[in-house]
Amino acid sequence: MPSTGDFVYISTMLELADWRPEDVKIQASKVSNTPLLHRPPPPPTSPLPTHPRTTTLPPPIPNLLSCHDYKGGYHPSESAQGQFPAPSGPIYTAAHLHVIDTFVYFSHSLVSIPPGPWINTLHRNGVRVLGTFIVEHDAGSAALSRLLDKGSEGEYMFATQLALIAETYGFDGWLMNIEASFPAEGFRPSELQAFLKELRSAVAELVPGGQVIWYDALTVLNQVHWQNGLTLLNAPFFGVTGGLFTNYRWREPQLEATRLMANYMGRVPDIYTGIDCFGRGSLGDGGFGVGKALSAIRKAGTSAALFAPGWTYEHFDGRNFDSVDRKFWVGDGGDIESNPVKPVSHFVSEKACGGSEFFFTNFNRGFGKGWWVDGIKVMNTPWVHIGAQSILPSKNPRNTDKLKWSFNDGTAYFGGTSLDISAAAGPVAGGVAFCPLYSTAITANESSIRVAYFLPERSPTEVLEGEVVGVYYTSNTAQTQTLLPLPQTPGAWKVITFATITADPNEKITELGIYYRHSPAVTALGFKVLTLGYLHISPIPILPERPSRITDVVSASEEEGGSTKLSWKAYKHDFSPAMEKLRSLPGCFSRKTGDFASFLVWRGGGLVGVSYCLEYDVPAGVAVGDWRVDGVMWGGGIVRGSGGR
């Protein structure tokens, strides 16, 4: 299997034919360990008042696909073990995953296998991940001459290979992008249809929830002729796959024709109408103008596909990336209704964060200026690990909000980031302000909420009369927010659990956030009221301290004078009913790493790196010896490992 440093991809059909699942034994760090978290159905309507719209809009776009074409793919920041330490400068990440349903990793290699860190973060956030099979130009015809080869039992051997690759590396299917013609002799569209049908079936069998999407390029006439929609020339290929990703040079009459034809086939949401974020002929010219195309797509009722949303980084060379990316995806905090430039989130359906019974976030962004464990700083250097990104807030602060959140990279409870909650200057109606963080659809019955937080030290003159800060949630059954006040002692990290928050089996938590209250007679002056380290919702009120045991670390040199590989194993230790229930919850157990979401790799008391498998390749220049590995549970608890040998 070809491998360049930390990445695995395939460049030729011969390499694809020779690939075997056993190849990953020497590439464990490149395999995802995080199962796809299936998002629960959209939150039931809450009786709480919402911000009214001034206009009546069509239903939101049902599904949004993001095709990652960031600078051609496979960058050091996406490497399997991250970068510890990392170079300075902004890092491209996907911070607004709550609006995305499917993520395609795209490069110009024949077979693009998504890097493990991307798969882990996307799965943690409930986003399906596809690799890309692409053939281009005249050179692609040579590859296509073999694509329909059959094995000894009449199976399409490359359909089998592609399905096995997705299963082995832990992603969810393929975008099939054929931008070349098959050799003219003997081409039959029905043969390609049969191949695609078998590929779709094989992926569905091996990958739960797997998907195969066809790109609008090759037609049944064996010509690369982009249709910019669904037509008789590409419908046969759409008919045997899970979706059609259309080319992006469509206009509204073509989109309406696509809708009519897809409606006849009963598959309007399976059309992913393409938009190029760099423009290049797209309606609205890309960039912040994608809203024009998304508005037309919403009227038509199809799904949408954004190609190269890395525009938010590339077009500006990374300058002000956070604010540019936020404006593109969720807005800049202003009034969206009155602003002609509308963000992506305005057009798509709102997704629930977390699972139906389990939710955990430590606000990690996938990079940081240091690393903290239980609120203690254990590493002082910048780092990057795309796979460490947690579930980030889905509720974006508005400029008029009295209580707002912001990321804090100067301290954390675990990882590199915490969340600051700050009160704006000026009076608050009723003395209570709310800071929404997440839309959820979590079963509230018998659930517990666990919070890590600290209150900042303030002078006596800054402490307001009747001041209280706490967690709140809304539900589909309550007429008001449920308030859970936190102990108000400032100055140090605390962890508190609110056990069994409701006994109603039908109640769902639909929104989760922070509230702040003070006497209505007092005017707040604008200051930080709380720093959050993590939020955790689980039906298990007390987590077992040692659910699994981690063996000693074994150190072995791969070859004389070569690199050193560490390895260890994790065995189940706690078989109590509570622990077995936790393991049964989606997103709380891995076939690869069991009870642990990740591992901290220590040498001599200092943190060296993070692993998402049962091994670690020691970076060059790091001395060998005195190793320890600690396991990090899916709910944030840490199990200390023993030493190494």
Foldseek 3Di string as FASTA:
>chain_A
DDDDAQFDWAAAVVVLLPDDLVVCVVVVLQAAFFAAFAFDPAADDALEDDDDFPDDAFDFQAAEEEEACQVQDDDQLAGSFFDVFDDDADDDADQQLQQHAEYEDDHPGQKHDRGRLVLLANSLFNHAYAIEHEAADPVSQVRLQQQLDADPVRARSSLLSQLVSCLSRPGAYYEYYYQAFHPPPPDAVVSVLVSLLSSQVSSVVRHPVHFYEYEQAAFRVRHGDFPLADDPGCVSNQVRGQAYEGDAQDDLVRLLVRLVVCVVVVHQQRYAREHEQCQPRHVLSHQLRCVRVLSSSSVSNYHHYYYHPVCLCVVVVNPVSVQSSCCQAPRNQEDQSPDPRHHPSVRHDGTAGDHQFKFKDQQAQQKAQFWAEQFHTQGRHIIGRSNPGHNWFNDAHHPPAQKEKDWDQPTARGTGIWIWIKGAWWFDVVQKGWYWGGFHFYFLALKKKKWKKFFADDDPVQDAAPKWKFKWFGKNPDHDIDTDTDPQDHDDIDMDMDGRPDNDRPITTGIITMMIGHDSVDTHGMDTGMITRMIIMHSQRDDDQDQKAKAAWEWDAPDVVHWIKIFIAIGGDDPDPSVVVQQPRRRQAGPFHGQAQKKFKDAPSHTDGIGRGGMDTRDPPDDDDFIWIWGAGSNGHIHTHDTHD
